mmCIF file of all heavy atoms, coordinates in Angstrom:
data_MODEL
# 
_entry.id   MODEL 
# 
loop_
_atom_site.group_PDB 
_atom_site.id 
_atom_site.type_symbol 
_atom_site.label_atom_id 
_atom_site.label_alt_id 
_atom_site.label_comp_id 
_atom_site.label_asym_id 
_atom_site.label_entity_id 
_atom_site.label_seq_id 
_atom_site.pdbx_PDB_ins_code 
_atom_site.Cartn_x 
_atom_site.Cartn_y 
_atom_site.Cartn_z 
_atom_site.occupancy 
_atom_site.B_iso_or_equiv 
_atom_site.pdbx_formal_charge 
_atom_site.auth_seq_id 
_atom_site.auth_comp_id 
_atom_site.auth_asym_id 
_atom_site.auth_atom_id 
_atom_site.pdbx_PDB_model_num 
ATOM 1   N N   . GLY A 1 1  ? 7.945  34.333 -24.933 1.00 0.00 ? 1  GLY A N   1 
ATOM 2   C CA  . GLY A 1 1  ? 9.133  33.566 -24.601 1.00 0.00 ? 1  GLY A CA  1 
ATOM 3   C C   . GLY A 1 1  ? 10.029 33.248 -25.779 1.00 0.00 ? 1  GLY A C   1 
ATOM 4   O O   . GLY A 1 1  ? 11.104 32.656 -25.628 1.00 0.00 ? 1  GLY A O   1 
ATOM 5   N N   . PHE A 1 2  ? 9.668  33.634 -26.961 1.00 0.00 ? 2  PHE A N   1 
ATOM 6   C CA  . PHE A 1 2  ? 10.425 33.269 -28.197 1.00 0.00 ? 2  PHE A CA  1 
ATOM 7   C C   . PHE A 1 2  ? 11.677 34.176 -28.225 1.00 0.00 ? 2  PHE A C   1 
ATOM 8   O O   . PHE A 1 2  ? 11.571 35.465 -28.043 1.00 0.00 ? 2  PHE A O   1 
ATOM 9   C CB  . PHE A 1 2  ? 9.658  33.405 -29.401 1.00 0.00 ? 2  PHE A CB  1 
ATOM 10  C CG  . PHE A 1 2  ? 8.644  32.307 -29.632 1.00 0.00 ? 2  PHE A CG  1 
ATOM 11  C CD1 . PHE A 1 2  ? 7.323  32.429 -29.195 1.00 0.00 ? 2  PHE A CD1 1 
ATOM 12  C CD2 . PHE A 1 2  ? 9.027  31.030 -30.090 1.00 0.00 ? 2  PHE A CD2 1 
ATOM 13  C CE1 . PHE A 1 2  ? 6.416  31.472 -29.276 1.00 0.00 ? 2  PHE A CE1 1 
ATOM 14  C CE2 . PHE A 1 2  ? 8.086  29.998 -30.141 1.00 0.00 ? 2  PHE A CE2 1 
ATOM 15  C CZ  . PHE A 1 2  ? 6.774  30.208 -29.793 1.00 0.00 ? 2  PHE A CZ  1 
ATOM 16  N N   . ARG A 1 3  ? 12.805 33.634 -28.692 1.00 0.00 ? 3  ARG A N   1 
ATOM 17  C CA  . ARG A 1 3  ? 13.964 34.471 -28.980 1.00 0.00 ? 3  ARG A CA  1 
ATOM 18  C C   . ARG A 1 3  ? 13.823 34.911 -30.427 1.00 0.00 ? 3  ARG A C   1 
ATOM 19  O O   . ARG A 1 3  ? 13.510 34.098 -31.333 1.00 0.00 ? 3  ARG A O   1 
ATOM 20  C CB  . ARG A 1 3  ? 15.232 33.622 -28.779 1.00 0.00 ? 3  ARG A CB  1 
ATOM 21  C CG  . ARG A 1 3  ? 15.369 32.958 -27.379 1.00 0.00 ? 3  ARG A CG  1 
ATOM 22  C CD  . ARG A 1 3  ? 16.641 32.117 -27.331 1.00 0.00 ? 3  ARG A CD  1 
ATOM 23  N NE  . ARG A 1 3  ? 16.394 30.962 -26.448 1.00 0.00 ? 3  ARG A NE  1 
ATOM 24  C CZ  . ARG A 1 3  ? 17.294 30.056 -26.226 1.00 0.00 ? 3  ARG A CZ  1 
ATOM 25  N NH1 . ARG A 1 3  ? 18.546 30.174 -26.820 1.00 0.00 ? 3  ARG A NH1 1 
ATOM 26  N NH2 . ARG A 1 3  ? 17.083 28.959 -25.503 1.00 0.00 ? 3  ARG A NH2 1 
ATOM 27  N N   . LEU A 1 4  ? 14.169 36.147 -30.626 1.00 0.00 ? 4  LEU A N   1 
ATOM 28  C CA  . LEU A 1 4  ? 13.986 36.753 -31.985 1.00 0.00 ? 4  LEU A CA  1 
ATOM 29  C C   . LEU A 1 4  ? 15.337 37.267 -32.474 1.00 0.00 ? 4  LEU A C   1 
ATOM 30  O O   . LEU A 1 4  ? 16.167 37.772 -31.719 1.00 0.00 ? 4  LEU A O   1 
ATOM 31  C CB  . LEU A 1 4  ? 12.977 37.891 -31.913 1.00 0.00 ? 4  LEU A CB  1 
ATOM 32  C CG  . LEU A 1 4  ? 11.634 37.618 -31.274 1.00 0.00 ? 4  LEU A CG  1 
ATOM 33  C CD1 . LEU A 1 4  ? 10.783 38.915 -31.300 1.00 0.00 ? 4  LEU A CD1 1 
ATOM 34  C CD2 . LEU A 1 4  ? 10.930 36.483 -31.876 1.00 0.00 ? 4  LEU A CD2 1 
ATOM 35  N N   . ALA A 1 5  ? 15.531 37.217 -33.801 1.00 0.00 ? 5  ALA A N   1 
ATOM 36  C CA  . ALA A 1 5  ? 16.667 37.683 -34.469 1.00 0.00 ? 5  ALA A CA  1 
ATOM 37  C C   . ALA A 1 5  ? 16.385 38.134 -35.918 1.00 0.00 ? 5  ALA A C   1 
ATOM 38  O O   . ALA A 1 5  ? 15.399 37.593 -36.480 1.00 0.00 ? 5  ALA A O   1 
ATOM 39  C CB  . ALA A 1 5  ? 17.789 36.746 -34.500 1.00 0.00 ? 5  ALA A CB  1 
ATOM 40  N N   . PHE A 1 6  ? 17.121 39.083 -36.427 1.00 0.00 ? 6  PHE A N   1 
ATOM 41  C CA  . PHE A 1 6  ? 17.215 39.303 -37.850 1.00 0.00 ? 6  PHE A CA  1 
ATOM 42  C C   . PHE A 1 6  ? 18.256 38.330 -38.462 1.00 0.00 ? 6  PHE A C   1 
ATOM 43  O O   . PHE A 1 6  ? 19.258 38.086 -37.834 1.00 0.00 ? 6  PHE A O   1 
ATOM 44  C CB  . PHE A 1 6  ? 17.633 40.712 -38.190 1.00 0.00 ? 6  PHE A CB  1 
ATOM 45  C CG  . PHE A 1 6  ? 16.515 41.723 -38.190 1.00 0.00 ? 6  PHE A CG  1 
ATOM 46  C CD1 . PHE A 1 6  ? 16.567 42.711 -37.199 1.00 0.00 ? 6  PHE A CD1 1 
ATOM 47  C CD2 . PHE A 1 6  ? 15.566 41.694 -39.161 1.00 0.00 ? 6  PHE A CD2 1 
ATOM 48  C CE1 . PHE A 1 6  ? 15.446 43.611 -37.180 1.00 0.00 ? 6  PHE A CE1 1 
ATOM 49  C CE2 . PHE A 1 6  ? 14.579 42.676 -39.181 1.00 0.00 ? 6  PHE A CE2 1 
ATOM 50  C CZ  . PHE A 1 6  ? 14.480 43.627 -38.174 1.00 0.00 ? 6  PHE A CZ  1 
ATOM 51  N N   . LEU A 1 7  ? 17.919 37.806 -39.619 1.00 0.00 ? 7  LEU A N   1 
ATOM 52  C CA  . LEU A 1 7  ? 18.931 37.023 -40.402 1.00 0.00 ? 7  LEU A CA  1 
ATOM 53  C C   . LEU A 1 7  ? 18.744 37.532 -41.806 1.00 0.00 ? 7  LEU A C   1 
ATOM 54  O O   . LEU A 1 7  ? 17.962 37.034 -42.562 1.00 0.00 ? 7  LEU A O   1 
ATOM 55  C CB  . LEU A 1 7  ? 18.774 35.514 -40.268 1.00 0.00 ? 7  LEU A CB  1 
ATOM 56  C CG  . LEU A 1 7  ? 19.656 34.640 -41.127 1.00 0.00 ? 7  LEU A CG  1 
ATOM 57  C CD1 . LEU A 1 7  ? 21.108 34.988 -41.024 1.00 0.00 ? 7  LEU A CD1 1 
ATOM 58  C CD2 . LEU A 1 7  ? 19.449 33.171 -40.808 1.00 0.00 ? 7  LEU A CD2 1 
ATOM 59  N N   . SER A 1 8  ? 19.534 38.523 -42.173 1.00 0.00 ? 8  SER A N   1 
ATOM 60  C CA  . SER A 1 8  ? 19.361 39.250 -43.416 1.00 0.00 ? 8  SER A CA  1 
ATOM 61  C C   . SER A 1 8  ? 20.576 39.446 -44.256 1.00 0.00 ? 8  SER A C   1 
ATOM 62  O O   . SER A 1 8  ? 21.748 39.522 -43.738 1.00 0.00 ? 8  SER A O   1 
ATOM 63  C CB  . SER A 1 8  ? 18.744 40.659 -43.049 1.00 0.00 ? 8  SER A CB  1 
ATOM 64  O OG  . SER A 1 8  ? 18.699 41.519 -44.179 1.00 0.00 ? 8  SER A OG  1 
ATOM 65  N N   . ASN A 1 9  ? 20.425 39.675 -45.572 1.00 0.00 ? 9  ASN A N   1 
ATOM 66  C CA  . ASN A 1 9  ? 21.513 40.041 -46.446 1.00 0.00 ? 9  ASN A CA  1 
ATOM 67  C C   . ASN A 1 9  ? 21.919 41.539 -46.291 1.00 0.00 ? 9  ASN A C   1 
ATOM 68  O O   . ASN A 1 9  ? 22.932 41.958 -46.753 1.00 0.00 ? 9  ASN A O   1 
ATOM 69  C CB  . ASN A 1 9  ? 21.088 39.762 -47.936 1.00 0.00 ? 9  ASN A CB  1 
ATOM 70  C CG  . ASN A 1 9  ? 21.042 38.280 -48.238 1.00 0.00 ? 9  ASN A CG  1 
ATOM 71  O OD1 . ASN A 1 9  ? 21.701 37.507 -47.557 1.00 0.00 ? 9  ASN A OD1 1 
ATOM 72  N ND2 . ASN A 1 9  ? 20.363 37.981 -49.353 1.00 0.00 ? 9  ASN A ND2 1 
ATOM 73  N N   . MET A 1 10 ? 21.055 42.321 -45.667 1.00 0.00 ? 10 MET A N   1 
ATOM 74  C CA  . MET A 1 10 ? 21.348 43.736 -45.460 1.00 0.00 ? 10 MET A CA  1 
ATOM 75  C C   . MET A 1 10 ? 22.511 43.814 -44.505 1.00 0.00 ? 10 MET A C   1 
ATOM 76  O O   . MET A 1 10 ? 22.780 42.902 -43.730 1.00 0.00 ? 10 MET A O   1 
ATOM 77  C CB  . MET A 1 10 ? 20.212 44.481 -44.904 1.00 0.00 ? 10 MET A CB  1 
ATOM 78  C CG  . MET A 1 10 ? 18.988 44.563 -45.869 1.00 0.00 ? 10 MET A CG  1 
ATOM 79  S SD  . MET A 1 10 ? 17.499 45.360 -45.111 1.00 0.00 ? 10 MET A SD  1 
ATOM 80  C CE  . MET A 1 10 ? 17.990 47.044 -45.204 1.00 0.00 ? 10 MET A CE  1 
ATOM 81  N N   . THR A 1 11 ? 23.225 44.963 -44.599 1.00 0.00 ? 11 THR A N   1 
ATOM 82  C CA  . THR A 1 11 ? 24.349 45.127 -43.690 1.00 0.00 ? 11 THR A CA  1 
ATOM 83  C C   . THR A 1 11 ? 23.894 45.352 -42.288 1.00 0.00 ? 11 THR A C   1 
ATOM 84  O O   . THR A 1 11 ? 22.690 45.739 -42.064 1.00 0.00 ? 11 THR A O   1 
ATOM 85  C CB  . THR A 1 11 ? 25.220 46.325 -44.099 1.00 0.00 ? 11 THR A CB  1 
ATOM 86  O OG1 . THR A 1 11 ? 24.527 47.537 -43.911 1.00 0.00 ? 11 THR A OG1 1 
ATOM 87  C CG2 . THR A 1 11 ? 25.675 46.199 -45.532 1.00 0.00 ? 11 THR A CG2 1 
ATOM 88  N N   . ALA A 1 12 ? 24.688 45.155 -41.330 1.00 0.00 ? 12 ALA A N   1 
ATOM 89  C CA  . ALA A 1 12 ? 24.382 45.422 -39.915 1.00 0.00 ? 12 ALA A CA  1 
ATOM 90  C C   . ALA A 1 12 ? 23.973 46.825 -39.691 1.00 0.00 ? 12 ALA A C   1 
ATOM 91  O O   . ALA A 1 12 ? 23.043 47.143 -38.980 1.00 0.00 ? 12 ALA A O   1 
ATOM 92  C CB  . ALA A 1 12 ? 25.516 45.031 -39.006 1.00 0.00 ? 12 ALA A CB  1 
ATOM 93  N N   . ALA A 1 13 ? 24.673 47.770 -40.317 1.00 0.00 ? 13 ALA A N   1 
ATOM 94  C CA  . ALA A 1 13 ? 24.323 49.247 -40.162 1.00 0.00 ? 13 ALA A CA  1 
ATOM 95  C C   . ALA A 1 13 ? 22.925 49.492 -40.670 1.00 0.00 ? 13 ALA A C   1 
ATOM 96  O O   . ALA A 1 13 ? 22.151 50.247 -40.054 1.00 0.00 ? 13 ALA A O   1 
ATOM 97  C CB  . ALA A 1 13 ? 25.348 50.086 -40.948 1.00 0.00 ? 13 ALA A CB  1 
ATOM 98  N N   . MET A 1 14 ? 22.522 48.910 -41.809 1.00 0.00 ? 14 MET A N   1 
ATOM 99  C CA  . MET A 1 14 ? 21.216 49.050 -42.332 1.00 0.00 ? 14 MET A CA  1 
ATOM 100 C C   . MET A 1 14 ? 20.159 48.497 -41.320 1.00 0.00 ? 14 MET A C   1 
ATOM 101 O O   . MET A 1 14 ? 19.072 49.108 -41.143 1.00 0.00 ? 14 MET A O   1 
ATOM 102 C CB  . MET A 1 14 ? 21.062 48.435 -43.644 1.00 0.00 ? 14 MET A CB  1 
ATOM 103 C CG  . MET A 1 14 ? 21.986 48.938 -44.738 1.00 0.00 ? 14 MET A CG  1 
ATOM 104 S SD  . MET A 1 14 ? 22.041 48.000 -46.316 1.00 0.00 ? 14 MET A SD  1 
ATOM 105 C CE  . MET A 1 14 ? 20.433 48.515 -46.972 1.00 0.00 ? 14 MET A CE  1 
ATOM 106 N N   . LEU A 1 15 ? 20.399 47.367 -40.861 1.00 0.00 ? 15 LEU A N   1 
ATOM 107 C CA  . LEU A 1 15 ? 19.440 46.725 -39.898 1.00 0.00 ? 15 LEU A CA  1 
ATOM 108 C C   . LEU A 1 15 ? 19.322 47.555 -38.669 1.00 0.00 ? 15 LEU A C   1 
ATOM 109 O O   . LEU A 1 15 ? 18.204 47.710 -38.155 1.00 0.00 ? 15 LEU A O   1 
ATOM 110 C CB  . LEU A 1 15 ? 19.962 45.294 -39.651 1.00 0.00 ? 15 LEU A CB  1 
ATOM 111 C CG  . LEU A 1 15 ? 19.876 44.359 -40.759 1.00 0.00 ? 15 LEU A CG  1 
ATOM 112 C CD1 . LEU A 1 15 ? 20.640 43.023 -40.446 1.00 0.00 ? 15 LEU A CD1 1 
ATOM 113 C CD2 . LEU A 1 15 ? 18.468 43.998 -41.212 1.00 0.00 ? 15 LEU A CD2 1 
ATOM 114 N N   . HIS A 1 16 ? 20.400 47.978 -38.071 1.00 0.00 ? 16 HIS A N   1 
ATOM 115 C CA  . HIS A 1 16 ? 20.299 48.784 -36.832 1.00 0.00 ? 16 HIS A CA  1 
ATOM 116 C C   . HIS A 1 16 ? 19.659 50.108 -37.109 1.00 0.00 ? 16 HIS A C   1 
ATOM 117 O O   . HIS A 1 16 ? 18.880 50.549 -36.184 1.00 0.00 ? 16 HIS A O   1 
ATOM 118 C CB  . HIS A 1 16 ? 21.741 49.015 -36.260 1.00 0.00 ? 16 HIS A CB  1 
ATOM 119 C CG  . HIS A 1 16 ? 22.218 47.761 -35.549 1.00 0.00 ? 16 HIS A CG  1 
ATOM 120 N ND1 . HIS A 1 16 ? 21.736 47.276 -34.359 1.00 0.00 ? 16 HIS A ND1 1 
ATOM 121 C CD2 . HIS A 1 16 ? 23.280 46.989 -35.875 1.00 0.00 ? 16 HIS A CD2 1 
ATOM 122 C CE1 . HIS A 1 16 ? 22.337 46.237 -33.965 1.00 0.00 ? 16 HIS A CE1 1 
ATOM 123 N NE2 . HIS A 1 16 ? 23.361 45.982 -34.853 1.00 0.00 ? 16 HIS A NE2 1 
ATOM 124 N N   . ALA A 1 17 ? 19.819 50.685 -38.265 1.00 0.00 ? 17 ALA A N   1 
ATOM 125 C CA  . ALA A 1 17 ? 19.133 51.926 -38.574 1.00 0.00 ? 17 ALA A CA  1 
ATOM 126 C C   . ALA A 1 17 ? 17.601 51.658 -38.698 1.00 0.00 ? 17 ALA A C   1 
ATOM 127 O O   . ALA A 1 17 ? 16.871 52.451 -38.183 1.00 0.00 ? 17 ALA A O   1 
ATOM 128 C CB  . ALA A 1 17 ? 19.630 52.453 -39.945 1.00 0.00 ? 17 ALA A CB  1 
ATOM 129 N N   . GLY A 1 18 ? 17.176 50.571 -39.240 1.00 0.00 ? 18 GLY A N   1 
ATOM 130 C CA  . GLY A 1 18 ? 15.766 50.207 -39.355 1.00 0.00 ? 18 GLY A CA  1 
ATOM 131 C C   . GLY A 1 18 ? 15.199 49.995 -37.980 1.00 0.00 ? 18 GLY A C   1 
ATOM 132 O O   . GLY A 1 18 ? 14.079 50.401 -37.709 1.00 0.00 ? 18 GLY A O   1 
ATOM 133 N N   . ILE A 1 19 ? 15.915 49.339 -37.156 1.00 0.00 ? 19 ILE A N   1 
ATOM 134 C CA  . ILE A 1 19 ? 15.422 49.120 -35.755 1.00 0.00 ? 19 ILE A CA  1 
ATOM 135 C C   . ILE A 1 19 ? 15.217 50.385 -34.982 1.00 0.00 ? 19 ILE A C   1 
ATOM 136 O O   . ILE A 1 19 ? 14.197 50.579 -34.333 1.00 0.00 ? 19 ILE A O   1 
ATOM 137 C CB  . ILE A 1 19 ? 16.487 48.223 -34.944 1.00 0.00 ? 19 ILE A CB  1 
ATOM 138 C CG1 . ILE A 1 19 ? 16.430 46.726 -35.469 1.00 0.00 ? 19 ILE A CG1 1 
ATOM 139 C CG2 . ILE A 1 19 ? 16.154 48.230 -33.501 1.00 0.00 ? 19 ILE A CG2 1 
ATOM 140 C CD1 . ILE A 1 19 ? 17.559 45.868 -34.986 1.00 0.00 ? 19 ILE A CD1 1 
ATOM 141 N N   . ALA A 1 20 ? 16.138 51.336 -35.211 1.00 0.00 ? 20 ALA A N   1 
ATOM 142 C CA  . ALA A 1 20 ? 15.973 52.703 -34.552 1.00 0.00 ? 20 ALA A CA  1 
ATOM 143 C C   . ALA A 1 20 ? 14.842 53.412 -35.135 1.00 0.00 ? 20 ALA A C   1 
ATOM 144 O O   . ALA A 1 20 ? 13.993 54.034 -34.474 1.00 0.00 ? 20 ALA A O   1 
ATOM 145 C CB  . ALA A 1 20 ? 17.304 53.463 -34.672 1.00 0.00 ? 20 ALA A CB  1 
ATOM 146 N N   . ASN A 1 21 ? 14.706 53.429 -36.526 1.00 0.00 ? 21 ASN A N   1 
ATOM 147 C CA  . ASN A 1 21 ? 13.585 54.142 -37.182 1.00 0.00 ? 21 ASN A CA  1 
ATOM 148 C C   . ASN A 1 21 ? 12.257 53.624 -36.777 1.00 0.00 ? 21 ASN A C   1 
ATOM 149 O O   . ASN A 1 21 ? 11.283 54.389 -36.603 1.00 0.00 ? 21 ASN A O   1 
ATOM 150 C CB  . ASN A 1 21 ? 13.719 53.981 -38.736 1.00 0.00 ? 21 ASN A CB  1 
ATOM 151 C CG  . ASN A 1 21 ? 14.966 54.629 -39.260 1.00 0.00 ? 21 ASN A CG  1 
ATOM 152 O OD1 . ASN A 1 21 ? 15.518 55.589 -38.702 1.00 0.00 ? 21 ASN A OD1 1 
ATOM 153 N ND2 . ASN A 1 21 ? 15.459 54.161 -40.435 1.00 0.00 ? 21 ASN A ND2 1 
ATOM 154 N N   . ALA A 1 22 ? 12.148 52.347 -36.536 1.00 0.00 ? 22 ALA A N   1 
ATOM 155 C CA  . ALA A 1 22 ? 10.851 51.702 -36.286 1.00 0.00 ? 22 ALA A CA  1 
ATOM 156 C C   . ALA A 1 22 ? 10.573 51.484 -34.743 1.00 0.00 ? 22 ALA A C   1 
ATOM 157 O O   . ALA A 1 22 ? 9.655  50.942 -34.384 1.00 0.00 ? 22 ALA A O   1 
ATOM 158 C CB  . ALA A 1 22 ? 10.792 50.384 -37.017 1.00 0.00 ? 22 ALA A CB  1 
ATOM 159 N N   . ALA A 1 23 ? 11.468 51.963 -33.946 1.00 0.00 ? 23 ALA A N   1 
ATOM 160 C CA  . ALA A 1 23 ? 11.442 51.838 -32.446 1.00 0.00 ? 23 ALA A CA  1 
ATOM 161 C C   . ALA A 1 23 ? 11.229 50.375 -32.057 1.00 0.00 ? 23 ALA A C   1 
ATOM 162 O O   . ALA A 1 23 ? 10.297 50.054 -31.270 1.00 0.00 ? 23 ALA A O   1 
ATOM 163 C CB  . ALA A 1 23 ? 10.239 52.642 -31.985 1.00 0.00 ? 23 ALA A CB  1 
ATOM 164 N N   . LEU A 1 24 ? 12.083 49.540 -32.527 1.00 0.00 ? 24 LEU A N   1 
ATOM 165 C CA  . LEU A 1 24 ? 12.027 48.131 -32.287 1.00 0.00 ? 24 LEU A CA  1 
ATOM 166 C C   . LEU A 1 24 ? 13.192 47.680 -31.339 1.00 0.00 ? 24 LEU A C   1 
ATOM 167 O O   . LEU A 1 24 ? 13.487 46.470 -31.190 1.00 0.00 ? 24 LEU A O   1 
ATOM 168 C CB  . LEU A 1 24 ? 12.146 47.297 -33.578 1.00 0.00 ? 24 LEU A CB  1 
ATOM 169 C CG  . LEU A 1 24 ? 11.083 47.454 -34.586 1.00 0.00 ? 24 LEU A CG  1 
ATOM 170 C CD1 . LEU A 1 24 ? 11.301 46.660 -35.845 1.00 0.00 ? 24 LEU A CD1 1 
ATOM 171 C CD2 . LEU A 1 24 ? 9.694  47.255 -34.029 1.00 0.00 ? 24 LEU A CD2 1 
ATOM 172 N N   . ASP A 1 25 ? 13.771 48.630 -30.641 1.00 0.00 ? 25 ASP A N   1 
ATOM 173 C CA  . ASP A 1 25 ? 14.862 48.345 -29.722 1.00 0.00 ? 25 ASP A CA  1 
ATOM 174 C C   . ASP A 1 25 ? 14.430 47.395 -28.682 1.00 0.00 ? 25 ASP A C   1 
ATOM 175 O O   . ASP A 1 25 ? 13.367 47.511 -28.076 1.00 0.00 ? 25 ASP A O   1 
ATOM 176 C CB  . ASP A 1 25 ? 15.444 49.587 -29.109 1.00 0.00 ? 25 ASP A CB  1 
ATOM 177 C CG  . ASP A 1 25 ? 15.790 50.666 -30.114 1.00 0.00 ? 25 ASP A CG  1 
ATOM 178 O OD1 . ASP A 1 25 ? 14.973 51.425 -30.614 1.00 0.00 ? 25 ASP A OD1 1 
ATOM 179 O OD2 . ASP A 1 25 ? 17.006 50.652 -30.512 1.00 0.00 ? 25 ASP A OD2 1 
ATOM 180 N N   . GLY A 1 26 ? 15.381 46.472 -28.319 1.00 0.00 ? 26 GLY A N   1 
ATOM 181 C CA  . GLY A 1 26 ? 15.127 45.507 -27.196 1.00 0.00 ? 26 GLY A CA  1 
ATOM 182 C C   . GLY A 1 26 ? 14.328 44.279 -27.597 1.00 0.00 ? 26 GLY A C   1 
ATOM 183 O O   . GLY A 1 26 ? 14.118 43.384 -26.753 1.00 0.00 ? 26 GLY A O   1 
ATOM 184 N N   . LEU A 1 27 ? 13.881 44.157 -28.828 1.00 0.00 ? 27 LEU A N   1 
ATOM 185 C CA  . LEU A 1 27 ? 13.040 42.978 -29.230 1.00 0.00 ? 27 LEU A CA  1 
ATOM 186 C C   . LEU A 1 27 ? 13.929 41.865 -29.825 1.00 0.00 ? 27 LEU A C   1 
ATOM 187 O O   . LEU A 1 27 ? 13.455 40.713 -29.770 1.00 0.00 ? 27 LEU A O   1 
ATOM 188 C CB  . LEU A 1 27 ? 12.090 43.423 -30.283 1.00 0.00 ? 27 LEU A CB  1 
ATOM 189 C CG  . LEU A 1 27 ? 10.929 44.279 -29.765 1.00 0.00 ? 27 LEU A CG  1 
ATOM 190 C CD1 . LEU A 1 27 ? 10.046 44.750 -30.962 1.00 0.00 ? 27 LEU A CD1 1 
ATOM 191 C CD2 . LEU A 1 27 ? 10.082 43.541 -28.789 1.00 0.00 ? 27 LEU A CD2 1 
ATOM 192 N N   . PHE A 1 28 ? 15.149 42.167 -30.249 1.00 0.00 ? 28 PHE A N   1 
ATOM 193 C CA  . PHE A 1 28 ? 15.945 41.156 -30.911 1.00 0.00 ? 28 PHE A CA  1 
ATOM 194 C C   . PHE A 1 28 ? 17.167 40.724 -30.098 1.00 0.00 ? 28 PHE A C   1 
ATOM 195 O O   . PHE A 1 28 ? 17.902 41.563 -29.585 1.00 0.00 ? 28 PHE A O   1 
ATOM 196 C CB  . PHE A 1 28 ? 16.394 41.737 -32.288 1.00 0.00 ? 28 PHE A CB  1 
ATOM 197 C CG  . PHE A 1 28 ? 15.262 41.932 -33.185 1.00 0.00 ? 28 PHE A CG  1 
ATOM 198 C CD1 . PHE A 1 28 ? 14.697 43.202 -33.345 1.00 0.00 ? 28 PHE A CD1 1 
ATOM 199 C CD2 . PHE A 1 28 ? 14.695 40.903 -33.985 1.00 0.00 ? 28 PHE A CD2 1 
ATOM 200 C CE1 . PHE A 1 28 ? 13.675 43.498 -34.134 1.00 0.00 ? 28 PHE A CE1 1 
ATOM 201 C CE2 . PHE A 1 28 ? 13.628 41.163 -34.809 1.00 0.00 ? 28 PHE A CE2 1 
ATOM 202 C CZ  . PHE A 1 28 ? 13.139 42.435 -34.883 1.00 0.00 ? 28 PHE A CZ  1 
ATOM 203 N N   . ASP A 1 29 ? 17.330 39.362 -29.968 1.00 0.00 ? 29 ASP A N   1 
ATOM 204 C CA  . ASP A 1 29 ? 18.542 38.878 -29.292 1.00 0.00 ? 29 ASP A CA  1 
ATOM 205 C C   . ASP A 1 29 ? 19.773 39.093 -30.142 1.00 0.00 ? 29 ASP A C   1 
ATOM 206 O O   . ASP A 1 29 ? 20.870 39.312 -29.649 1.00 0.00 ? 29 ASP A O   1 
ATOM 207 C CB  . ASP A 1 29 ? 18.390 37.362 -29.045 1.00 0.00 ? 29 ASP A CB  1 
ATOM 208 C CG  . ASP A 1 29 ? 17.193 37.055 -28.153 1.00 0.00 ? 29 ASP A CG  1 
ATOM 209 O OD1 . ASP A 1 29 ? 16.848 37.827 -27.249 1.00 0.00 ? 29 ASP A OD1 1 
ATOM 210 O OD2 . ASP A 1 29 ? 16.552 36.021 -28.433 1.00 0.00 ? 29 ASP A OD2 1 
# 
């Protein structure tokens, strides 16, 4: 039930690329 997010200095494009590479879609609010 926890809400999850990235809070990073990386750009949004870098973060979304990492999510796709690692198959983490749907885990982050």
